[in-house]
Amino acid sequence: MAIAALKMLTLDSSDAQRDATFWSAMLGWEVAHAQAEYAMLTGPGGMALGFGTLDDHQAPGWPNEHGSKQFHFDLAVADLDDAEKAAVQLGATVADPQPGETWRVLLDPSGHPFCLTKAENWG
């Protein structure tokens, strides 16, 4: 039996409203709340994604040999090239270097790394 259920993940951000707009477009989730200090998306199954603006936010480095990145999202996509192009048009940047061939590492507008992965690899 589980002790808890994950309902929300909150990211530190340099601009909560901008990041909520970006991730809403990437995931197709609704912006439930947006103000300068804090924004929140709601997704399937009651999941939520929050963003808190910090004046001194520093993006994690990429690549990150010291482990200070902590986590990243893996997103399943139908086509890597199309998804990369769409993410860049929304404000993402392509990370350098790229460590693999079946996924792409990008950075969201606040610099959080995330991976686009081929959906067929998830079964």
PDB file of N, CA and C in Angstrom:
ATOM      1  N   MET A   1       0.832  -1.183   0.000  1.00  0.00           N
ATOM      2  CA  MET A   1       0.000   0.000   0.000  1.00  0.00           C
ATOM      3  C   MET A   1       0.875   1.243   0.000  1.00  0.00           C
ATOM      4  N   ALA A   2       0.538   2.192  -0.848  1.00  0.00           N
ATOM      5  CA  ALA A   2       1.311   3.423  -0.957  1.00  0.00           C
ATOM      6  C   ALA A   2       1.103   4.310   0.265  1.00  0.00           C
ATOM      7  N   ILE A   3       2.133   4.998   0.641  1.00  0.00           N
ATOM      8  CA  ILE A   3       2.060   5.951   1.740  1.00  0.00           C
ATOM      9  C   ILE A   3       1.466   7.266   1.267  1.00  0.00           C
ATOM     10  N   ALA A   4       1.758   7.627   0.020  1.00  0.00           N
ATOM     11  CA  ALA A   4       1.312   8.923  -0.507  1.00  0.00           C
ATOM     12  C   ALA A   4       1.063   8.806  -2.000  1.00  0.00           C
ATOM     13  N   ALA A   5       0.366   9.789  -2.544  1.00  0.00           N
ATOM     14  CA  ALA A   5       0.125   9.880  -3.988  1.00  0.00           C
ATOM     15  C   ALA A   5       0.703  11.198  -4.494  1.00  0.00           C
ATOM     16  N   LEU A   6       1.497  11.133  -5.537  1.00  0.00           N
ATOM     17  CA  LEU A   6       2.061  12.340  -6.135  1.00  0.00           C
ATOM     18  C   LEU A   6       0.959  13.081  -6.867  1.00  0.00           C
ATOM     19  N   LYS A   7       0.711  14.315  -6.495  1.00  0.00           N
ATOM     20  CA  LYS A   7      -0.335  15.126  -7.108  1.00  0.00           C
ATOM     21  C   LYS A   7       0.209  16.361  -7.807  1.00  0.00           C
ATOM     22  N   MET A   8       1.400  16.832  -7.398  1.00  0.00           N
ATOM     23  CA  MET A   8       1.916  18.060  -7.981  1.00  0.00           C
ATOM     24  C   MET A   8       3.433  18.087  -7.867  1.00  0.00           C
ATOM     25  N   LEU A   9       4.034  18.647  -8.872  1.00  0.00           N
ATOM     26  CA  LEU A   9       5.460  18.913  -8.896  1.00  0.00           C
ATOM     27  C   LEU A   9       5.609  20.406  -9.127  1.00  0.00           C
ATOM     28  N   THR A  10       6.437  21.073  -8.338  1.00  0.00           N
ATOM     29  CA  THR A  10       6.632  22.508  -8.484  1.00  0.00           C
ATOM     30  C   THR A  10       8.087  22.788  -8.814  1.00  0.00           C
ATOM     31  N   LEU A  11       8.300  23.610  -9.829  1.00  0.00           N
ATOM     32  CA  LEU A  11       9.634  23.983 -10.268  1.00  0.00           C
ATOM     33  C   LEU A  11       9.938  25.427  -9.902  1.00  0.00           C
ATOM     34  N   ASP A  12      11.159  25.671  -9.441  1.00  0.00           N
ATOM     35  CA  ASP A  12      11.622  27.044  -9.314  1.00  0.00           C
ATOM     36  C   ASP A  12      11.781  27.604 -10.715  1.00  0.00           C
ATOM     37  N   SER A  13      11.561  28.896 -10.855  1.00  0.00           N
ATOM     38  CA  SER A  13      11.492  29.501 -12.173  1.00  0.00           C
ATOM     39  C   SER A  13      12.012  30.932 -12.130  1.00  0.00           C
ATOM     40  N   SER A  14      12.486  31.423 -13.266  1.00  0.00           N
ATOM     41  CA  SER A  14      12.826  32.843 -13.359  1.00  0.00           C
ATOM     42  C   SER A  14      11.621  33.665 -13.794  1.00  0.00           C
ATOM     43  N   ASP A  15      10.563  33.001 -14.301  1.00  0.00           N
ATOM     44  CA  ASP A  15       9.338  33.684 -14.727  1.00  0.00           C
ATOM     45  C   ASP A  15       8.207  32.648 -14.761  1.00  0.00           C
ATOM     46  N   ALA A  16       7.440  32.571 -13.698  1.00  0.00           N
ATOM     47  CA  ALA A  16       6.411  31.536 -13.550  1.00  0.00           C
ATOM     48  C   ALA A  16       5.362  31.591 -14.654  1.00  0.00           C
ATOM     49  N   GLN A  17       4.889  32.767 -15.003  1.00  0.00           N
ATOM     50  CA  GLN A  17       3.853  32.878 -16.041  1.00  0.00           C
ATOM     51  C   GLN A  17       4.386  32.411 -17.391  1.00  0.00           C
ATOM     52  N   ARG A  18       5.598  32.806 -17.744  1.00  0.00           N
ATOM     53  CA  ARG A  18       6.193  32.379 -19.019  1.00  0.00           C
ATOM     54  C   ARG A  18       6.352  30.871 -19.056  1.00  0.00           C
ATOM     55  N   ASP A  19       6.845  30.287 -17.962  1.00  0.00           N
ATOM     56  CA  ASP A  19       7.062  28.845 -17.936  1.00  0.00           C
ATOM     57  C   ASP A  19       5.744  28.077 -17.964  1.00  0.00           C
ATOM     58  N   ALA A  20       4.722  28.596 -17.310  1.00  0.00           N
ATOM     59  CA  ALA A  20       3.405  27.958 -17.372  1.00  0.00           C
ATOM     60  C   ALA A  20       2.873  27.959 -18.798  1.00  0.00           C
ATOM     61  N   THR A  21       3.047  29.056 -19.512  1.00  0.00           N
ATOM     62  CA  THR A  21       2.610  29.134 -20.908  1.00  0.00           C
ATOM     63  C   THR A  21       3.364  28.126 -21.760  1.00  0.00           C
ATOM     64  N   PHE A  22       4.680  28.046 -21.573  1.00  0.00           N
ATOM     65  CA  PHE A  22       5.509  27.100 -22.318  1.00  0.00           C
ATOM     66  C   PHE A  22       5.063  25.660 -22.068  1.00  0.00           C
ATOM     67  N   TRP A  23       4.973  25.264 -20.788  1.00  0.00           N
ATOM     68  CA  TRP A  23       4.641  23.880 -20.470  1.00  0.00           C
ATOM     69  C   TRP A  23       3.191  23.542 -20.794  1.00  0.00           C
ATOM     70  N   SER A  24       2.301  24.516 -20.742  1.00  0.00           N
ATOM     71  CA  SER A  24       0.916  24.289 -21.152  1.00  0.00           C
ATOM     72  C   SER A  24       0.875  23.893 -22.622  1.00  0.00           C
ATOM     73  N   ALA A  25       1.632  24.612 -23.439  1.00  0.00           N
ATOM     74  CA  ALA A  25       1.671  24.289 -24.874  1.00  0.00           C
ATOM     75  C   ALA A  25       2.367  22.959 -25.130  1.00  0.00           C
ATOM     76  N   MET A  26       3.424  22.656 -24.381  1.00  0.00           N
ATOM     77  CA  MET A  26       4.145  21.392 -24.580  1.00  0.00           C
ATOM     78  C   MET A  26       3.286  20.191 -24.197  1.00  0.00           C
ATOM     79  N   LEU A  27       2.591  20.283 -23.066  1.00  0.00           N
ATOM     80  CA  LEU A  27       1.863  19.131 -22.524  1.00  0.00           C
ATOM     81  C   LEU A  27       0.377  19.117 -22.861  1.00  0.00           C
ATOM     82  N   GLY A  28      -0.167  20.262 -23.299  1.00  0.00           N
ATOM     83  CA  GLY A  28      -1.596  20.356 -23.542  1.00  0.00           C
ATOM     84  C   GLY A  28      -2.395  20.443 -22.253  1.00  0.00           C
ATOM     85  N   TRP A  29      -1.756  20.877 -21.173  1.00  0.00           N
ATOM     86  CA  TRP A  29      -2.418  21.017 -19.882  1.00  0.00           C
ATOM     87  C   TRP A  29      -2.963  22.431 -19.737  1.00  0.00           C
ATOM     88  N   GLU A  30      -4.013  22.579 -18.946  1.00  0.00           N
ATOM     89  CA  GLU A  30      -4.663  23.870 -18.740  1.00  0.00           C
ATOM     90  C   GLU A  30      -3.908  24.712 -17.708  1.00  0.00           C
ATOM     91  N   VAL A  31      -3.773  26.014 -17.996  1.00  0.00           N
ATOM     92  CA  VAL A  31      -3.234  26.943 -17.002  1.00  0.00           C
ATOM     93  C   VAL A  31      -4.369  27.240 -16.024  1.00  0.00           C
ATOM     94  N   ALA A  32      -4.241  26.747 -14.801  1.00  0.00           N
ATOM     95  CA  ALA A  32      -5.281  26.913 -13.791  1.00  0.00           C
ATOM     96  C   ALA A  32      -5.098  28.202 -12.998  1.00  0.00           C
ATOM     97  N   HIS A  33      -3.867  28.685 -12.924  1.00  0.00           N
ATOM     98  CA  HIS A  33      -3.577  29.898 -12.162  1.00  0.00           C
ATOM     99  C   HIS A  33      -2.297  30.511 -12.721  1.00  0.00           C
ATOM    100  N   ALA A  34      -2.269  31.829 -12.861  1.00  0.00           N
ATOM    101  CA  ALA A  34      -1.057  32.491 -13.339  1.00  0.00           C
ATOM    102  C   ALA A  34      -0.969  33.894 -12.759  1.00  0.00           C
ATOM    103  N   GLN A  35       0.121  34.144 -12.079  1.00  0.00           N
ATOM    104  CA  GLN A  35       0.455  35.479 -11.613  1.00  0.00           C
ATOM    105  C   GLN A  35       1.982  35.552 -11.627  1.00  0.00           C
ATOM    106  N   ALA A  36       2.530  36.720 -11.363  1.00  0.00           N
ATOM    107  CA  ALA A  36       3.984  36.895 -11.462  1.00  0.00           C
ATOM    108  C   ALA A  36       4.750  35.947 -10.538  1.00  0.00           C
ATOM    109  N   GLU A  37       4.248  35.729  -9.340  1.00  0.00           N
ATOM    110  CA  GLU A  37       4.980  34.936  -8.359  1.00  0.00           C
ATOM    111  C   GLU A  37       4.782  33.436  -8.506  1.00  0.00           C
ATOM    112  N   TYR A  38       3.628  33.027  -9.044  1.00  0.00           N
ATOM    113  CA  TYR A  38       3.303  31.612  -9.049  1.00  0.00           C
ATOM    114  C   TYR A  38       2.309  31.302 -10.166  1.00  0.00           C
ATOM    115  N   ALA A  39       2.481  30.152 -10.784  1.00  0.00           N
ATOM    116  CA  ALA A  39       1.533  29.676 -11.796  1.00  0.00           C
ATOM    117  C   ALA A  39       1.388  28.167 -11.640  1.00  0.00           C
ATOM    118  N   MET A  40       0.244  27.636 -12.111  1.00  0.00           N
ATOM    119  CA  MET A  40      -0.019  26.209 -11.972  1.00  0.00           C
ATOM    120  C   MET A  40      -0.791  25.690 -13.177  1.00  0.00           C
ATOM    121  N   LEU A  41      -0.401  24.510 -13.631  1.00  0.00           N
ATOM    122  CA  LEU A  41      -1.111  23.788 -14.684  1.00  0.00           C
ATOM    123  C   LEU A  41      -1.834  22.608 -14.055  1.00  0.00           C
ATOM    124  N   THR A  42      -2.965  22.218 -14.647  1.00  0.00           N
ATOM    125  CA  THR A  42      -3.631  20.989 -14.235  1.00  0.00           C
ATOM    126  C   THR A  42      -3.644  20.034 -15.419  1.00  0.00           C
ATOM    127  N   GLY A  43      -3.405  18.764 -15.100  1.00  0.00           N
ATOM    128  CA  GLY A  43      -3.314  17.753 -16.134  1.00  0.00           C
ATOM    129  C   GLY A  43      -4.190  16.559 -15.825  1.00  0.00           C
ATOM    130  N   PRO A  44      -3.978  15.486 -16.561  1.00  0.00           N
ATOM    131  CA  PRO A  44      -4.814  14.291 -16.395  1.00  0.00           C
ATOM    132  C   PRO A  44      -4.630  13.648 -15.025  1.00  0.00           C
ATOM    133  N   GLY A  45      -5.703  13.025 -14.556  1.00  0.00           N
ATOM    134  CA  GLY A  45      -5.645  12.283 -13.309  1.00  0.00           C
ATOM    135  C   GLY A  45      -5.418  13.144 -12.078  1.00  0.00           C
ATOM    136  N   GLY A  46      -5.719  14.429 -12.180  1.00  0.00           N
ATOM    137  CA  GLY A  46      -5.535  15.310 -11.038  1.00  0.00           C
ATOM    138  C   GLY A  46      -4.104  15.763 -10.812  1.00  0.00           C
ATOM    139  N   MET A  47      -3.205  15.465 -11.746  1.00  0.00           N
ATOM    140  CA  MET A  47      -1.819  15.920 -11.620  1.00  0.00           C
ATOM    141  C   MET A  47      -1.744  17.416 -11.861  1.00  0.00           C
ATOM    142  N   ALA A  48      -0.806  18.060 -11.199  1.00  0.00           N
ATOM    143  CA  ALA A  48      -0.590  19.487 -11.373  1.00  0.00           C
ATOM    144  C   ALA A  48       0.905  19.762 -11.467  1.00  0.00           C
ATOM    145  N   LEU A  49       1.239  20.842 -12.165  1.00  0.00           N
ATOM    146  CA  LEU A  49       2.616  21.287 -12.318  1.00  0.00           C
ATOM    147  C   LEU A  49       2.649  22.763 -11.961  1.00  0.00           C
ATOM    148  N   GLY A  50       3.454  23.104 -10.958  1.00  0.00           N
ATOM    149  CA  GLY A  50       3.521  24.482 -10.491  1.00  0.00           C
ATOM    150  C   GLY A  50       4.857  25.120 -10.806  1.00  0.00           C
ATOM    151  N   PHE A  51       4.870  26.452 -10.797  1.00  0.00           N
ATOM    152  CA  PHE A  51       6.072  27.234 -11.070  1.00  0.00           C
ATOM    153  C   PHE A  51       6.122  28.388 -10.084  1.00  0.00           C
ATOM    154  N   GLY A  52       7.218  28.515  -9.361  1.00  0.00           N
ATOM    155  CA  GLY A  52       7.393  29.602  -8.424  1.00  0.00           C
ATOM    156  C   GLY A  52       8.533  30.499  -8.860  1.00  0.00           C
ATOM    157  N   THR A  53       8.260  31.773  -9.058  1.00  0.00           N
ATOM    158  CA  THR A  53       9.286  32.713  -9.500  1.00  0.00           C
ATOM    159  C   THR A  53      10.239  33.036  -8.354  1.00  0.00           C
ATOM    160  N   LEU A  54      11.522  32.900  -8.625  1.00  0.00           N
ATOM    161  CA  LEU A  54      12.578  33.296  -7.699  1.00  0.00           C
ATOM    162  C   LEU A  54      13.424  34.361  -8.383  1.00  0.00           C
ATOM    163  N   ASP A  55      13.637  35.477  -7.705  1.00  0.00           N
ATOM    164  CA  ASP A  55      14.417  36.564  -8.305  1.00  0.00           C
ATOM    165  C   ASP A  55      15.828  36.138  -8.669  1.00  0.00           C
ATOM    166  N   ASP A  56      16.410  35.244  -7.881  1.00  0.00           N
ATOM    167  CA  ASP A  56      17.793  34.830  -8.130  1.00  0.00           C
ATOM    168  C   ASP A  56      17.886  33.411  -8.697  1.00  0.00           C
ATOM    169  N   HIS A  57      16.833  32.978  -9.404  1.00  0.00           N
ATOM    170  CA  HIS A  57      16.831  31.623  -9.966  1.00  0.00           C
ATOM    171  C   HIS A  57      18.039  31.417 -10.869  1.00  0.00           C
ATOM    172  N   GLN A  58      18.701  30.296 -10.681  1.00  0.00           N
ATOM    173  CA  GLN A  58      19.817  29.912 -11.541  1.00  0.00           C
ATOM    174  C   GLN A  58      19.487  28.568 -12.167  1.00  0.00           C
ATOM    175  N   ALA A  59      19.535  28.526 -13.469  1.00  0.00           N
ATOM    176  CA  ALA A  59      19.238  27.285 -14.189  1.00  0.00           C
ATOM    177  C   ALA A  59      20.305  26.236 -13.873  1.00  0.00           C
ATOM    178  N   PRO A  60      19.897  24.967 -13.793  1.00  0.00           N
ATOM    179  CA  PRO A  60      20.899  23.915 -13.622  1.00  0.00           C
ATOM    180  C   PRO A  60      21.769  23.827 -14.870  1.00  0.00           C
ATOM    181  N   GLY A  61      23.004  23.435 -14.700  1.00  0.00           N
ATOM    182  CA  GLY A  61      23.912  23.326 -15.842  1.00  0.00           C
ATOM    183  C   GLY A  61      23.637  22.095 -16.679  1.00  0.00           C
ATOM    184  N   TRP A  62      24.021  22.162 -17.943  1.00  0.00           N
ATOM    185  CA  TRP A  62      23.963  21.000 -18.822  1.00  0.00           C
ATOM    186  C   TRP A  62      25.208  20.984 -19.672  1.00  0.00           C
ATOM    187  N   PRO A  63      25.925  19.880 -19.739  1.00  0.00           N
ATOM    188  CA  PRO A  63      25.702  18.677 -18.926  1.00  0.00           C
ATOM    189  C   PRO A  63      26.022  18.971 -17.468  1.00  0.00           C
ATOM    190  N   ASN A  64      25.615  18.081 -16.596  1.00  0.00           N
ATOM    191  CA  ASN A  64      25.717  18.353 -15.174  1.00  0.00           C
ATOM    192  C   ASN A  64      26.443  17.213 -14.470  1.00  0.00           C
ATOM    193  N   GLU A  65      27.753  17.310 -14.405  1.00  0.00           N
ATOM    194  CA  GLU A  65      28.565  16.256 -13.794  1.00  0.00           C
ATOM    195  C   GLU A  65      28.466  16.240 -12.278  1.00  0.00           C
ATOM    196  N   HIS A  66      27.987  17.338 -11.662  1.00  0.00           N
ATOM    197  CA  HIS A  66      27.968  17.455 -10.213  1.00  0.00           C
ATOM    198  C   HIS A  66      26.651  17.009  -9.579  1.00  0.00           C
ATOM    199  N   GLY A  67      25.649  16.661 -10.373  1.00  0.00           N
ATOM    200  CA  GLY A  67      24.393  16.157  -9.842  1.00  0.00           C
ATOM    201  C   GLY A  67      23.467  17.213  -9.275  1.00  0.00           C
ATOM    202  N   SER A  68      23.740  18.490  -9.529  1.00  0.00           N
ATOM    203  CA  SER A  68      22.878  19.535  -8.972  1.00  0.00           C
ATOM    204  C   SER A  68      21.604  19.733  -9.791  1.00  0.00           C
ATOM    205  N   LYS A  69      21.489  19.068 -10.951  1.00  0.00           N
ATOM    206  CA  LYS A  69      20.275  19.154 -11.765  1.00  0.00           C
ATOM    207  C   LYS A  69      19.099  18.522 -11.039  1.00  0.00           C
ATOM    208  N   GLN A  70      19.320  17.429 -10.346  1.00  0.00           N
ATOM    209  CA  GLN A  70      18.346  16.719  -9.537  1.00  0.00           C
ATOM    210  C   GLN A  70      17.352  15.870 -10.328  1.00  0.00           C
ATOM    211  N   PHE A  71      16.677  16.394 -11.338  1.00  0.00           N
ATOM    212  CA  PHE A  71      15.693  15.626 -12.094  1.00  0.00           C
ATOM    213  C   PHE A  71      15.452  16.314 -13.432  1.00  0.00           C
ATOM    214  N   HIS A  72      14.784  15.580 -14.330  1.00  0.00           N
ATOM    215  CA  HIS A  72      14.318  16.173 -15.588  1.00  0.00           C
ATOM    216  C   HIS A  72      13.109  15.383 -16.063  1.00  0.00           C
ATOM    217  N   PHE A  73      12.335  15.996 -16.964  1.00  0.00           N
ATOM    218  CA  PHE A  73      11.184  15.323 -17.555  1.00  0.00           C
ATOM    219  C   PHE A  73      11.625  14.527 -18.778  1.00  0.00           C
ATOM    220  N   ASP A  74      11.048  13.348 -18.982  1.00  0.00           N
ATOM    221  CA  ASP A  74      11.169  12.574 -20.215  1.00  0.00           C
ATOM    222  C   ASP A  74       9.801  12.612 -20.875  1.00  0.00           C
ATOM    223  N   LEU A  75       9.726  13.167 -22.070  1.00  0.00           N
ATOM    224  CA  LEU A  75       8.463  13.330 -22.780  1.00  0.00           C
ATOM    225  C   LEU A  75       8.452  12.448 -24.022  1.00  0.00           C
ATOM    226  N   ALA A  76       7.428  11.612 -24.159  1.00  0.00           N
ATOM    227  CA  ALA A  76       7.279  10.741 -25.318  1.00  0.00           C
ATOM    228  C   ALA A  76       6.656  11.533 -26.463  1.00  0.00           C
ATOM    229  N   VAL A  77       7.280  11.469 -27.638  1.00  0.00           N
ATOM    230  CA  VAL A  77       6.805  12.196 -28.823  1.00  0.00           C
ATOM    231  C   VAL A  77       6.775  11.258 -30.026  1.00  0.00           C
ATOM    232  N   ALA A  78       5.924  11.578 -30.981  1.00  0.00           N
ATOM    233  CA  ALA A  78       5.820  10.753 -32.190  1.00  0.00           C
ATOM    234  C   ALA A  78       7.027  10.937 -33.102  1.00  0.00           C
ATOM    235  N   ASP A  79       7.527  12.168 -33.216  1.00  0.00           N
ATOM    236  CA  ASP A  79       8.636  12.468 -34.123  1.00  0.00           C
ATOM    237  C   ASP A  79       9.597  13.430 -33.432  1.00  0.00           C
ATOM    238  N   LEU A  80      10.845  13.012 -33.273  1.00  0.00           N
ATOM    239  CA  LEU A  80      11.826  13.843 -32.566  1.00  0.00           C
ATOM    240  C   LEU A  80      12.057  15.193 -33.242  1.00  0.00           C
ATOM    241  N   ASP A  81      12.222  15.182 -34.556  1.00  0.00           N
ATOM    242  CA  ASP A  81      12.499  16.438 -35.267  1.00  0.00           C
ATOM    243  C   ASP A  81      11.335  17.416 -35.156  1.00  0.00           C
ATOM    244  N   ASP A  82      10.119  16.917 -35.365  1.00  0.00           N
ATOM    245  CA  ASP A  82       8.941  17.789 -35.277  1.00  0.00           C
ATOM    246  C   ASP A  82       8.754  18.335 -33.862  1.00  0.00           C
ATOM    247  N   ALA A  83       8.930  17.480 -32.867  1.00  0.00           N
ATOM    248  CA  ALA A  83       8.763  17.909 -31.475  1.00  0.00           C
ATOM    249  C   ALA A  83       9.835  18.911 -31.079  1.00  0.00           C
ATOM    250  N   GLU A  84      11.061  18.685 -31.506  1.00  0.00           N
ATOM    251  CA  GLU A  84      12.138  19.630 -31.210  1.00  0.00           C
ATOM    252  C   GLU A  84      11.832  20.992 -31.817  1.00  0.00           C
ATOM    253  N   LYS A  85      11.415  21.001 -33.076  1.00  0.00           N
ATOM    254  CA  LYS A  85      11.096  22.254 -33.755  1.00  0.00           C
ATOM    255  C   LYS A  85       9.966  22.999 -33.030  1.00  0.00           C
ATOM    256  N   ALA A  86       8.924  22.278 -32.642  1.00  0.00           N
ATOM    257  CA  ALA A  86       7.799  22.899 -31.940  1.00  0.00           C
ATOM    258  C   ALA A  86       8.234  23.445 -30.583  1.00  0.00           C
ATOM    259  N   ALA A  87       9.059  22.692 -29.850  1.00  0.00           N
ATOM    260  CA  ALA A  87       9.522  23.142 -28.538  1.00  0.00           C
ATOM    261  C   ALA A  87      10.379  24.401 -28.662  1.00  0.00           C
ATOM    262  N   VAL A  88      11.245  24.441 -29.653  1.00  0.00           N
ATOM    263  CA  VAL A  88      12.081  25.628 -29.881  1.00  0.00           C
ATOM    264  C   VAL A  88      11.211  26.830 -30.233  1.00  0.00           C
ATOM    265  N   GLN A  89      10.181  26.630 -31.056  1.00  0.00           N
ATOM    266  CA  GLN A  89       9.278  27.731 -31.394  1.00  0.00           C
ATOM    267  C   GLN A  89       8.553  28.263 -30.156  1.00  0.00           C
ATOM    268  N   LEU A  90       8.351  27.398 -29.144  1.00  0.00           N
ATOM    269  CA  LEU A  90       7.697  27.818 -27.904  1.00  0.00           C
ATOM    270  C   LEU A  90       8.648  28.513 -26.937  1.00  0.00           C
ATOM    271  N   GLY A  91       9.963  28.409 -27.182  1.00  0.00           N
ATOM    272  CA  GLY A  91      10.928  29.078 -26.319  1.00  0.00           C
ATOM    273  C   GLY A  91      12.010  28.190 -25.735  1.00  0.00           C
ATOM    274  N   ALA A  92      12.010  26.901 -26.056  1.00  0.00           N
ATOM    275  CA  ALA A  92      13.060  25.999 -25.581  1.00  0.00           C
ATOM    276  C   ALA A  92      14.335  26.230 -26.391  1.00  0.00           C
ATOM    277  N   THR A  93      15.448  25.782 -25.836  1.00  0.00           N
ATOM    278  CA  THR A  93      16.704  25.775 -26.583  1.00  0.00           C
ATOM    279  C   THR A  93      17.235  24.341 -26.596  1.00  0.00           C
ATOM    280  N   VAL A  94      17.944  24.007 -27.657  1.00  0.00           N
ATOM    281  CA  VAL A  94      18.531  22.678 -27.784  1.00  0.00           C
ATOM    282  C   VAL A  94      19.832  22.664 -26.992  1.00  0.00           C
ATOM    283  N   ALA A  95      19.970  21.689 -26.097  1.00  0.00           N
ATOM    284  CA  ALA A  95      21.161  21.584 -25.260  1.00  0.00           C
ATOM    285  C   ALA A  95      22.346  21.082 -26.079  1.00  0.00           C
ATOM    286  N   ASP A  96      23.528  21.442 -25.634  1.00  0.00           N
ATOM    287  CA  ASP A  96      24.754  20.980 -26.257  1.00  0.00           C
ATOM    288  C   ASP A  96      25.696  20.563 -25.136  1.00  0.00           C
ATOM    289  N   PRO A  97      26.183  19.339 -25.144  1.00  0.00           N
ATOM    290  CA  PRO A  97      26.088  18.342 -26.200  1.00  0.00           C
ATOM    291  C   PRO A  97      24.821  17.501 -26.089  1.00  0.00           C
ATOM    292  N   GLN A  98      24.570  16.721 -27.136  1.00  0.00           N
ATOM    293  CA  GLN A  98      23.465  15.761 -27.155  1.00  0.00           C
ATOM    294  C   GLN A  98      24.053  14.377 -26.867  1.00  0.00           C
ATOM    295  N   PRO A  99      23.594  13.707 -25.810  1.00  0.00           N
ATOM    296  CA  PRO A  99      24.225  12.458 -25.392  1.00  0.00           C
ATOM    297  C   PRO A  99      23.735  11.188 -26.077  1.00  0.00           C
ATOM    298  N   GLY A 100      22.687  11.252 -26.890  1.00  0.00           N
ATOM    299  CA  GLY A 100      22.159  10.021 -27.482  1.00  0.00           C
ATOM    300  C   GLY A 100      21.520  10.260 -28.824  1.00  0.00           C
ATOM    301  N   GLU A 101      21.037   9.187 -29.427  1.00  0.00           N
ATOM    302  CA  GLU A 101      20.419   9.287 -30.746  1.00  0.00           C
ATOM    303  C   GLU A 101      18.922   9.045 -30.734  1.00  0.00           C
ATOM    304  N   THR A 102      18.394   8.437 -29.678  1.00  0.00           N
ATOM    305  CA  THR A 102      16.960   8.151 -29.620  1.00  0.00           C
ATOM    306  C   THR A 102      16.219   9.143 -28.734  1.00  0.00           C
ATOM    307  N   TRP A 103      16.885  10.183 -28.306  1.00  0.00           N
ATOM    308  CA  TRP A 103      16.254  11.252 -27.532  1.00  0.00           C
ATOM    309  C   TRP A 103      17.001  12.552 -27.788  1.00  0.00           C
ATOM    310  N   ARG A 104      16.368  13.657 -27.440  1.00  0.00           N
ATOM    311  CA  ARG A 104      16.967  14.983 -27.563  1.00  0.00           C
ATOM    312  C   ARG A 104      16.814  15.700 -26.239  1.00  0.00           C
ATOM    313  N   VAL A 105      17.865  16.363 -25.814  1.00  0.00           N
ATOM    314  CA  VAL A 105      17.826  17.159 -24.592  1.00  0.00           C
ATOM    315  C   VAL A 105      17.601  18.613 -24.975  1.00  0.00           C
ATOM    316  N   LEU A 106      16.583  19.215 -24.368  1.00  0.00           N
ATOM    317  CA  LEU A 106      16.301  20.637 -24.563  1.00  0.00           C
ATOM    318  C   LEU A 106      16.239  21.305 -23.191  1.00  0.00           C
ATOM    319  N   LEU A 107      16.240  22.626 -23.193  1.00  0.00           N
ATOM    320  CA  LEU A 107      16.131  23.410 -21.970  1.00  0.00           C
ATOM    321  C   LEU A 107      14.886  24.270 -22.075  1.00  0.00           C
ATOM    322  N   ASP A 108      14.057  24.266 -21.014  1.00  0.00           N
ATOM    323  CA  ASP A 108      12.869  25.112 -21.031  1.00  0.00           C
ATOM    324  C   ASP A 108      13.294  26.577 -20.857  1.00  0.00           C
ATOM    325  N   PRO A 109      12.380  27.540 -20.932  1.00  0.00           N
ATOM    326  CA  PRO A 109      12.779  28.944 -20.849  1.00  0.00           C
ATOM    327  C   PRO A 109      13.514  29.339 -19.563  1.00  0.00           C
ATOM    328  N   SER A 110      13.333  28.580 -18.473  1.00  0.00           N
ATOM    329  CA  SER A 110      14.090  28.857 -17.244  1.00  0.00           C
ATOM    330  C   SER A 110      15.363  28.025 -17.152  1.00  0.00           C
ATOM    331  N   GLY A 111      15.636  27.228 -18.184  1.00  0.00           N
ATOM    332  CA  GLY A 111      16.869  26.451 -18.228  1.00  0.00           C
ATOM    333  C   GLY A 111      16.788  25.050 -17.678  1.00  0.00           C
ATOM    334  N   HIS A 112      15.586  24.556 -17.332  1.00  0.00           N
ATOM    335  CA  HIS A 112      15.448  23.185 -16.844  1.00  0.00           C
ATOM    336  C   HIS A 112      15.598  22.222 -18.020  1.00  0.00           C
ATOM    337  N   PRO A 113      16.483  21.241 -17.922  1.00  0.00           N
ATOM    338  CA  PRO A 113      16.603  20.271 -19.000  1.00  0.00           C
ATOM    339  C   PRO A 113      15.404  19.317 -19.033  1.00  0.00           C
ATOM    340  N   PHE A 114      15.025  18.924 -20.242  1.00  0.00           N
ATOM    341  CA  PHE A 114      14.012  17.887 -20.434  1.00  0.00           C
ATOM    342  C   PHE A 114      14.362  17.123 -21.696  1.00  0.00           C
ATOM    343  N   CYS A 115      13.890  15.885 -21.774  1.00  0.00           N
ATOM    344  CA  CYS A 115      14.202  15.033 -22.916  1.00  0.00           C
ATOM    345  C   CYS A 115      12.950  14.761 -23.734  1.00  0.00           C
ATOM    346  N   LEU A 116      13.111  14.837 -25.030  1.00  0.00           N
ATOM    347  CA  LEU A 116      12.109  14.342 -25.968  1.00  0.00           C
ATOM    348  C   LEU A 116      12.564  12.938 -26.348  1.00  0.00           C
ATOM    349  N   THR A 117      11.676  11.981 -26.218  1.00  0.00           N
ATOM    350  CA  THR A 117      12.023  10.594 -26.513  1.00  0.00           C
ATOM    351  C   THR A 117      11.001  10.014 -27.483  1.00  0.00           C
ATOM    352  N   LYS A 118      11.447   9.041 -28.266  1.00  0.00           N
ATOM    353  CA  LYS A 118      10.540   8.391 -29.212  1.00  0.00           C
ATOM    354  C   LYS A 118       9.461   7.617 -28.467  1.00  0.00           C
ATOM    355  N   ALA A 119       8.216   7.918 -28.774  1.00  0.00           N
ATOM    356  CA  ALA A 119       7.088   7.290 -28.068  1.00  0.00           C
ATOM    357  C   ALA A 119       7.130   5.770 -28.188  1.00  0.00           C
ATOM    358  N   GLU A 120       7.576   5.245 -29.329  1.00  0.00           N
ATOM    359  CA  GLU A 120       7.582   3.786 -29.493  1.00  0.00           C
ATOM    360  C   GLU A 120       8.559   3.102 -28.532  1.00  0.00           C
ATOM    361  N   ASN A 121       9.502   3.850 -27.995  1.00  0.00           N
ATOM    362  CA  ASN A 121      10.447   3.263 -27.030  1.00  0.00           C
ATOM    363  C   ASN A 121       9.806   3.007 -25.667  1.00  0.00           C
ATOM    364  N   TRP A 122       8.621   3.552 -25.448  1.00  0.00           N
ATOM    365  CA  TRP A 122       7.937   3.390 -24.165  1.00  0.00           C
ATOM    366  C   TRP A 122       6.969   2.211 -24.175  1.00  0.00           C
ATOM    367  N   GLY A 123       6.827   1.550 -25.306  1.00  0.00           N
ATOM    368  CA  GLY A 123       6.003   0.340 -25.372  1.00  0.00           C
ATOM    369  C   GLY A 123       4.567   0.533 -25.597  1.00  0.00           C
TER     370      GLY A 123
END
